[in-house]
């Protein structure tokens, strides 16, 4: 799809979908709809992060099983890095949930 500037990307179409009036202003209902879609996308992404957390927990369990009886620094580093990864995923899910809550709060403020 070409517009006067160049090819429109999927993101361009998504970010401009709330603004379709001639004056460039979105209605409150359009803003609320976009916020609701963003909140739902946050929920979906949070679910994906939780799946990654589960997968990382499995990795950690396997590494610990392999590490039983050995004190090699390489396996200890692998476990440590996997645990750091899991913690960062937990943090990402928590922050994203906060984003969802803030978007939904703004929806309720708009009425």
Protein backbone atom coordinates (compact mmCIF):
# COMPACT_ATOMS: atom_id res chain seq x y z
CA UNK A 1 0.00 0.00 0.00
CA UNK A 2 1.48 3.34 -1.02
CA UNK A 3 0.55 6.73 0.31
CA UNK A 4 1.84 10.16 -0.71
CA UNK A 5 4.97 9.75 1.42
CA UNK A 6 5.85 6.15 0.79
CA UNK A 7 4.83 2.65 1.75
CA UNK A 8 2.60 2.50 4.82
CA UNK A 9 3.60 -0.04 7.39
CA UNK A 10 1.30 -2.08 9.58
CA UNK A 11 2.43 0.02 12.54
CA UNK A 12 1.59 3.25 10.68
CA UNK A 13 -1.94 1.98 10.10
CA UNK A 14 -2.27 0.87 13.72
CA UNK A 15 -1.03 4.10 15.27
CA UNK A 16 -3.15 6.31 13.08
CA UNK A 17 -6.36 4.31 13.33
CA UNK A 18 -7.70 6.42 16.23
CA UNK A 19 -7.28 9.61 14.24
CA UNK A 20 -9.48 9.55 11.19
CA UNK A 21 -11.38 12.81 11.40
CA UNK A 22 -10.52 15.76 9.19
CA UNK A 23 -9.33 17.87 12.12
CA UNK A 24 -6.94 15.11 13.21
CA UNK A 25 -8.56 14.78 16.62
CA UNK A 26 -9.77 11.43 17.85
CA UNK A 27 -13.09 11.15 19.63
CA UNK A 28 -13.14 9.99 23.23
CA UNK A 29 -14.71 6.72 22.09
CA UNK A 30 -11.88 6.18 19.60
CA UNK A 31 -9.27 6.89 22.28
CA UNK A 32 -11.01 4.51 24.68
CA UNK A 33 -11.13 1.81 22.01
CA UNK A 34 -7.42 2.21 21.26
CA UNK A 35 -6.59 2.11 24.98
CA UNK A 36 -8.65 -1.06 25.39
CA UNK A 37 -6.83 -2.67 22.47
CA UNK A 38 -3.48 -1.66 23.94
CA UNK A 39 -4.47 -3.12 27.31
CA UNK A 40 -5.52 -6.38 25.66
CA UNK A 41 -2.24 -6.52 23.77
CA UNK A 42 -0.42 -5.97 27.07
CA UNK A 43 -2.33 -8.90 28.54
CA UNK A 44 -1.41 -11.12 25.60
CA UNK A 45 2.23 -10.11 25.82
CA UNK A 46 2.23 -10.70 29.57
CA UNK A 47 0.97 -14.22 28.87
CA UNK A 48 3.85 -14.76 26.47
CA UNK A 49 6.30 -13.51 29.07
CA UNK A 50 4.81 -15.89 31.64
CA UNK A 51 5.33 -18.75 29.19
CA UNK A 52 8.95 -17.64 28.83
CA UNK A 53 9.26 -17.60 32.64
CA UNK A 54 7.97 -21.18 32.77
CA UNK A 55 10.44 -22.21 30.09
CA UNK A 56 13.27 -20.50 31.94
CA UNK A 57 12.32 -22.33 35.14
CA UNK A 58 12.61 -25.60 33.22
CA UNK A 59 16.05 -24.56 31.98
CA UNK A 60 17.15 -23.76 35.52
CA UNK A 61 15.87 -27.14 36.77
CA UNK A 62 17.75 -28.97 34.05
CA UNK A 63 20.93 -27.04 34.69
CA UNK A 64 20.71 -27.76 38.41
CA UNK A 65 20.17 -31.47 37.70
CA UNK A 66 23.23 -31.52 35.46
CA UNK A 67 25.23 -29.55 38.01
CA UNK A 68 24.57 -32.03 40.84
CA UNK A 69 27.89 -33.37 41.98
CA UNK A 70 30.01 -30.87 40.09
CA UNK A 71 31.34 -27.57 41.16
CA UNK A 72 32.48 -26.36 37.76
CA UNK A 73 32.28 -22.58 37.40
CA UNK A 74 30.81 -22.78 33.89
CA UNK A 75 27.66 -24.58 35.05
CA UNK A 76 27.35 -22.25 38.03
CA UNK A 77 27.52 -19.31 35.61
CA UNK A 78 24.89 -20.89 33.37
CA UNK A 79 22.53 -21.29 36.34
CA UNK A 80 23.20 -17.76 37.53
CA UNK A 81 22.51 -16.26 34.11
CA UNK A 82 19.32 -18.28 33.70
CA UNK A 83 18.15 -17.08 37.13
CA UNK A 84 18.93 -13.48 36.14
CA UNK A 85 16.97 -13.97 32.94
CA UNK A 86 13.98 -15.30 34.87
CA UNK A 87 14.09 -12.36 37.27
CA UNK A 88 14.15 -9.86 34.41
CA UNK A 89 11.21 -11.61 32.77
CA UNK A 90 9.28 -11.38 36.05
CA UNK A 91 10.12 -7.67 36.22
CA UNK A 92 8.99 -7.17 32.60
CA UNK A 93 5.67 -8.90 33.28
CA UNK A 94 5.12 -6.78 36.37
CA UNK A 95 5.85 -3.52 34.54
CA UNK A 96 3.63 -4.53 31.64
CA UNK A 97 0.78 -5.33 34.04
CA UNK A 98 1.21 -1.81 35.42
CA UNK A 99 0.86 -0.46 31.91
CA UNK A 100 -2.38 -2.38 31.46
CA UNK A 101 -3.74 -1.06 34.75
CA UNK A 102 -2.81 2.53 33.86
CA UNK A 103 -4.49 2.26 30.45
CA UNK A 104 -7.65 0.83 31.98
CA UNK A 105 -7.61 3.54 34.66
CA UNK A 106 -7.43 6.20 31.97
CA UNK A 107 -10.36 4.56 30.18
CA UNK A 108 -12.41 4.87 33.35
CA UNK A 109 -11.32 8.50 33.78
CA UNK A 110 -12.56 9.24 30.26
CA UNK A 111 -15.92 7.80 31.27
